[in-house]
């Protein structure tokens, strides 16, 4: 009887632990795309109070779209929200990943004349304020650690076609 109990206990823990490494839903980004689509259509009237909306996203003269791109080759797309315009490089205001612990997670919120760009080799360039000057940081996405380690940069941002909202 004791052996049966131990065996059942082992099976129970094996079953419980089998879900420890969460499987990322195949189309995890669909609800997030719907959130942005509704936001642009309703001037962000239903957005949570703590959700930062940049000036460019509030401007009705701007057209926005999205891009699904697997940055690190793990087979899971990351979601970019960007501006559709005639500039030589695509400017992104938001980067949403599927975080292993939190689910969909906005990792970067740019805008107000500072943007994210996709460069060669899926490198991300993040422009930001540093005192009175603009600086750029180059990063690569590491989904295993849910992080964006800094890398040597310098490659030119790309012009990428977006799917319009």
Protein backbone atom coordinates (compact mmCIF):
# COMPACT_ATOMS: atom_id res chain seq x y z
CA UNK A 1 0.00 0.00 0.00
CA UNK A 2 2.85 2.37 0.83
CA UNK A 3 4.44 1.72 -2.60
CA UNK A 4 1.16 2.48 -4.37
CA UNK A 5 0.81 5.74 -2.43
CA UNK A 6 4.39 6.80 -3.28
CA UNK A 7 3.84 5.89 -6.94
CA UNK A 8 0.61 7.92 -7.06
CA UNK A 9 2.35 10.84 -5.37
CA UNK A 10 5.18 10.74 -7.93
CA UNK A 11 2.68 10.61 -10.80
CA UNK A 12 0.77 13.56 -9.32
CA UNK A 13 3.90 15.73 -9.05
CA UNK A 14 5.03 14.73 -12.54
CA UNK A 15 1.62 15.78 -13.86
CA UNK A 16 1.74 19.11 -11.97
CA UNK A 17 5.27 19.90 -13.08
CA UNK A 18 4.54 19.11 -16.72
CA UNK A 19 2.93 22.55 -17.08
CA UNK A 20 5.82 24.51 -15.57
CA UNK A 21 7.22 25.61 -18.93
CA UNK A 22 4.19 27.47 -20.26
CA UNK A 23 3.28 26.93 -23.87
CA UNK A 24 2.87 30.22 -25.65
CA UNK A 25 -0.48 30.44 -27.45
CA UNK A 26 0.00 30.36 -31.22
CA UNK A 27 -1.88 33.61 -31.90
CA UNK A 28 -1.23 35.35 -28.58
CA UNK A 29 -1.13 38.76 -30.28
CA UNK A 30 -4.70 38.81 -31.66
CA UNK A 31 -6.30 40.41 -28.57
CA UNK A 32 -3.51 43.00 -28.42
CA UNK A 33 -4.01 43.90 -32.10
CA UNK A 34 -7.75 44.25 -31.40
CA UNK A 35 -6.94 46.53 -28.42
CA UNK A 36 -4.87 48.84 -30.64
CA UNK A 37 -7.41 48.71 -33.49
CA UNK A 38 -10.18 49.77 -31.09
CA UNK A 39 -7.93 52.42 -29.53
CA UNK A 40 -7.19 54.09 -32.85
CA UNK A 41 -10.87 53.88 -33.87
CA UNK A 42 -12.18 55.41 -30.61
CA UNK A 43 -9.41 57.93 -29.85
CA UNK A 44 -8.32 55.72 -26.93
CA UNK A 45 -11.51 56.45 -24.93
CA UNK A 46 -11.52 52.90 -23.48
CA UNK A 47 -7.80 52.63 -22.75
CA UNK A 48 -6.86 51.99 -19.12
CA UNK A 49 -5.86 55.17 -17.29
CA UNK A 50 -2.35 53.84 -16.63
CA UNK A 51 -1.70 52.92 -20.28
CA UNK A 52 0.60 55.51 -21.87
CA UNK A 53 -0.56 56.68 -25.29
CA UNK A 54 2.06 58.76 -27.13
CA UNK A 55 1.19 61.98 -28.95
CA UNK A 56 1.68 60.34 -32.36
CA UNK A 57 -0.96 57.71 -31.52
CA UNK A 58 -3.44 60.41 -30.49
CA UNK A 59 -2.94 62.39 -33.72
CA UNK A 60 -5.74 61.53 -36.19
CA UNK A 61 -3.48 62.58 -39.11
CA UNK A 62 -1.10 59.67 -38.45
CA UNK A 63 -1.70 56.21 -39.87
CA UNK A 64 -0.60 53.24 -37.77
CA UNK A 65 -0.02 49.60 -38.47
CA UNK A 66 1.54 46.52 -36.97
CA UNK A 67 4.23 44.01 -37.75
CA UNK A 68 4.63 40.45 -36.51
CA UNK A 69 8.30 39.47 -36.48
CA UNK A 70 10.22 36.65 -34.84
CA UNK A 71 13.21 38.57 -33.48
CA UNK A 72 15.20 35.71 -31.99
CA UNK A 73 14.33 32.71 -34.15
CA UNK A 74 12.34 30.85 -31.48
CA UNK A 75 9.30 30.49 -33.75
CA UNK A 76 7.23 33.01 -31.75
CA UNK A 77 6.37 36.38 -33.29
CA UNK A 78 6.81 39.62 -31.42
CA UNK A 79 4.36 42.46 -32.11
CA UNK A 80 5.45 45.93 -33.24
CA UNK A 81 3.15 48.95 -33.51
CA UNK A 82 4.43 51.60 -35.90
CA UNK A 83 3.77 54.68 -37.97
CA UNK A 84 2.93 54.35 -41.67
CA UNK A 85 4.54 57.27 -43.48
CA UNK A 86 6.93 58.18 -46.30
CA UNK A 87 10.12 58.27 -44.24
CA UNK A 88 13.05 56.07 -45.25
CA UNK A 89 12.82 53.97 -42.08
CA UNK A 90 9.87 52.53 -40.18
CA UNK A 91 9.32 54.14 -36.78
CA UNK A 92 7.82 51.95 -34.08
CA UNK A 93 6.14 53.25 -30.94
CA UNK A 94 5.45 49.96 -29.15
CA UNK A 95 7.04 46.53 -28.88
CA UNK A 96 4.94 43.80 -27.29
CA UNK A 97 6.35 40.39 -26.45
CA UNK A 98 4.83 37.29 -24.90
CA UNK A 99 6.49 37.19 -21.49
CA UNK A 100 6.81 33.71 -19.97
CA UNK A 101 5.32 34.85 -16.66
CA UNK A 102 2.98 37.73 -17.56
CA UNK A 103 1.64 36.87 -21.02
CA UNK A 104 1.45 39.74 -23.54
CA UNK A 105 3.71 42.51 -22.25
CA UNK A 106 4.55 45.92 -23.69
CA UNK A 107 8.33 45.93 -23.35
CA UNK A 108 8.91 49.33 -24.94
CA UNK A 109 6.68 52.36 -25.35
CA UNK A 110 8.32 55.07 -27.44
CA UNK A 111 6.96 58.05 -29.33
CA UNK A 112 6.95 61.78 -28.81
CA UNK A 113 9.70 61.98 -31.47
CA UNK A 114 11.70 59.06 -30.01
CA UNK A 115 11.21 55.68 -31.63
CA UNK A 116 12.25 52.07 -31.96
CA UNK A 117 13.69 50.81 -35.25
CA UNK A 118 14.42 47.35 -36.64
CA UNK A 119 17.94 47.14 -38.06
CA UNK A 120 19.88 44.37 -39.82
CA UNK A 121 19.95 41.01 -38.06
CA UNK A 122 16.78 41.80 -36.07
CA UNK A 123 18.69 44.28 -33.94
CA UNK A 124 16.46 46.88 -32.27
CA UNK A 125 17.56 50.51 -32.05
CA UNK A 126 15.98 52.49 -29.24
CA UNK A 127 16.37 56.27 -29.38
CA UNK A 128 15.96 58.06 -26.05
CA UNK A 129 16.64 61.30 -24.18
CA UNK A 130 19.80 61.65 -22.13
CA UNK A 131 19.76 65.10 -20.60
CA UNK A 132 19.51 67.47 -23.54
CA UNK A 133 20.80 65.03 -26.16
CA UNK A 134 19.44 62.05 -28.05
CA UNK A 135 21.15 58.71 -27.65
CA UNK A 136 20.67 55.36 -29.34
CA UNK A 137 20.88 51.93 -27.79
CA UNK A 138 21.08 48.71 -29.84
CA UNK A 139 19.60 45.50 -28.45
CA UNK A 140 18.77 41.91 -29.37
CA UNK A 141 15.76 40.09 -27.94
CA UNK A 142 16.42 37.02 -25.77
CA UNK A 143 13.06 35.28 -25.24
CA UNK A 144 14.52 32.62 -22.98
CA UNK A 145 15.38 35.29 -20.40
CA UNK A 146 12.70 37.81 -21.41
CA UNK A 147 15.42 40.41 -21.86
CA UNK A 148 16.96 42.80 -24.37
CA UNK A 149 20.74 42.69 -23.89
CA UNK A 150 22.65 45.59 -25.38
CA UNK A 151 24.79 44.84 -28.45
CA UNK A 152 27.18 46.78 -30.66
CA UNK A 153 25.11 48.75 -33.12
CA UNK A 154 25.49 51.01 -36.04
CA UNK A 155 23.44 49.25 -38.69
CA UNK A 156 20.88 51.28 -40.58
CA UNK A 157 17.19 51.05 -39.65
CA UNK A 158 14.99 49.30 -42.23
CA UNK A 159 11.86 50.41 -44.05
CA UNK A 160 9.27 47.70 -43.37
CA UNK A 161 5.71 47.47 -44.67
CA UNK A 162 3.10 47.40 -41.91
CA UNK A 163 -0.43 46.00 -41.85
CA UNK A 164 -2.67 49.03 -41.35
CA UNK A 165 -5.17 49.13 -38.47
